Protein backbone atom coordinates (compact mmCIF):
# COMPACT_ATOMS: atom_id res chain seq x y z
CA UNK A 1 68.38 -5.51 102.55
CA UNK A 2 68.87 -8.88 101.59
CA UNK A 3 70.21 -11.38 104.58
CA UNK A 4 72.88 -13.43 104.23
CA UNK A 5 72.93 -17.29 104.73
CA UNK A 6 74.00 -18.67 108.53
CA UNK A 7 78.27 -18.39 108.50
CA UNK A 8 77.84 -15.29 106.78
CA UNK A 9 75.42 -14.33 109.51
CA UNK A 10 77.72 -15.74 112.26
CA UNK A 11 81.30 -14.04 110.35
CA UNK A 12 79.11 -10.01 110.37
CA UNK A 13 77.81 -10.55 113.90
CA UNK A 14 81.68 -11.77 115.63
CA UNK A 15 84.30 -10.22 117.00
CA UNK A 16 87.45 -9.18 114.77
CA UNK A 17 91.06 -8.97 115.96
CA UNK A 18 92.19 -5.77 117.17
CA UNK A 19 94.16 -4.88 115.07
CA UNK A 20 90.92 -4.04 112.68
CA UNK A 21 88.93 -2.32 115.56
CA UNK A 22 86.90 0.99 115.19
CA UNK A 23 88.39 3.55 117.25
CA UNK A 24 85.95 6.04 117.57
CA UNK A 25 87.30 9.80 117.99
CA UNK A 26 85.10 9.90 121.88
CA UNK A 27 87.26 7.18 122.48
CA UNK A 28 85.09 4.86 122.50
CA UNK A 29 86.28 0.82 120.35
CA UNK A 30 84.54 -0.91 118.62
CA UNK A 31 85.11 -4.83 118.34
CA UNK A 32 81.97 -6.38 116.88
CA UNK A 33 78.63 -4.64 114.76
CA UNK A 34 76.61 -5.24 118.41
CA UNK A 35 79.23 -2.07 119.67
CA UNK A 36 78.07 -0.42 116.61
CA UNK A 37 74.72 0.02 117.06
CA UNK A 38 75.47 0.83 121.10
CA UNK A 39 77.53 3.32 119.97
CA UNK A 40 76.01 4.96 117.55
CA UNK A 41 72.76 5.16 119.65
CA UNK A 42 74.79 6.94 122.49
CA UNK A 43 76.66 9.36 120.27
CA UNK A 44 76.58 12.78 120.70
CA UNK A 45 75.46 13.87 117.34
CA UNK A 46 79.27 16.09 117.38
CA UNK A 47 80.77 12.70 117.21
CA UNK A 48 79.70 11.20 114.03
CA UNK A 49 79.94 14.23 112.48
CA UNK A 50 82.78 14.22 112.99
CA UNK A 51 83.83 10.16 110.58
CA UNK A 52 80.23 11.26 108.18
CA UNK A 53 81.47 14.19 105.78
CA UNK A 54 80.58 14.61 102.30
CA UNK A 55 83.42 13.15 101.82
CA UNK A 56 84.39 10.10 103.86
CA UNK A 57 82.04 7.00 106.26
CA UNK A 58 84.08 5.93 108.43
CA UNK A 59 81.40 3.80 110.29
CA UNK A 60 80.59 2.46 106.24
CA UNK A 61 84.45 1.70 105.19
CA UNK A 62 84.66 -0.30 108.62
CA UNK A 63 82.04 -2.42 107.88
CA UNK A 64 82.03 -2.92 104.29
CA UNK A 65 86.20 -3.16 103.99
CA UNK A 66 86.73 -5.42 108.17
CA UNK A 67 83.54 -6.60 108.61
CA UNK A 68 82.66 -7.18 105.05
CA UNK A 69 79.03 -6.32 105.45
CA UNK A 70 78.75 -5.41 101.94
CA UNK A 71 74.41 -5.12 102.90
CA UNK A 72 75.35 -2.54 105.86
CA UNK A 73 77.75 -0.86 103.44
CA UNK A 74 75.73 0.55 101.11
CA UNK A 75 72.79 1.21 103.39
CA UNK A 76 74.63 3.43 105.76
CA UNK A 77 76.85 5.51 102.60
CA UNK A 78 74.20 7.46 102.28
CA UNK A 79 73.17 7.76 105.63
CA UNK A 80 74.30 11.62 107.47
CA UNK A 81 71.81 11.41 110.43
CA UNK A 82 73.03 9.25 114.27
CA UNK A 83 69.74 8.87 114.29
CA UNK A 84 68.87 6.93 111.60
CA UNK A 85 72.37 5.28 111.35
CA UNK A 86 72.12 3.59 114.15
CA UNK A 87 68.34 2.82 113.86
CA UNK A 88 69.94 0.82 110.66
CA UNK A 89 72.90 -0.85 112.36
CA UNK A 90 70.18 -2.20 115.18
CA UNK A 91 68.03 -3.52 112.70
CA UNK A 92 70.70 -5.14 111.08
CA UNK A 93 72.92 -6.88 113.95
CA UNK A 94 68.86 -8.24 115.31
CA UNK A 95 67.64 -9.72 111.96
CA UNK A 96 71.41 -11.45 111.88
CA UNK A 97 70.77 -12.58 115.26
CA UNK A 98 67.62 -14.14 114.23
CA UNK A 99 69.67 -15.99 111.36
CA UNK A 100 71.96 -17.54 113.91
CA UNK A 101 69.50 -18.06 116.73
CA UNK A 102 67.07 -19.82 113.84
CA UNK A 103 69.56 -21.87 112.63
């Protein structure tokens, strides 16, 4: 995935406004990519499958429409496996944090 500059990395890591948060089917609420990374890692497969089907990918949509990280959203679009999605988001968060830390 292409890495963004400092400003975009910071923006992607910021918490979204309350009305833009992701409300997971199991009751968890994600306000940041960090929240999503942790949530994907710990959620049940059945919850993941509720949000990711052949017709939709709620995580991809939220990352694209709300967070604005087109690169991550594009990678998530084809991700149909919970563990793979969790690893993908965790890697992206770690990369973004490294960009912000180095600036």
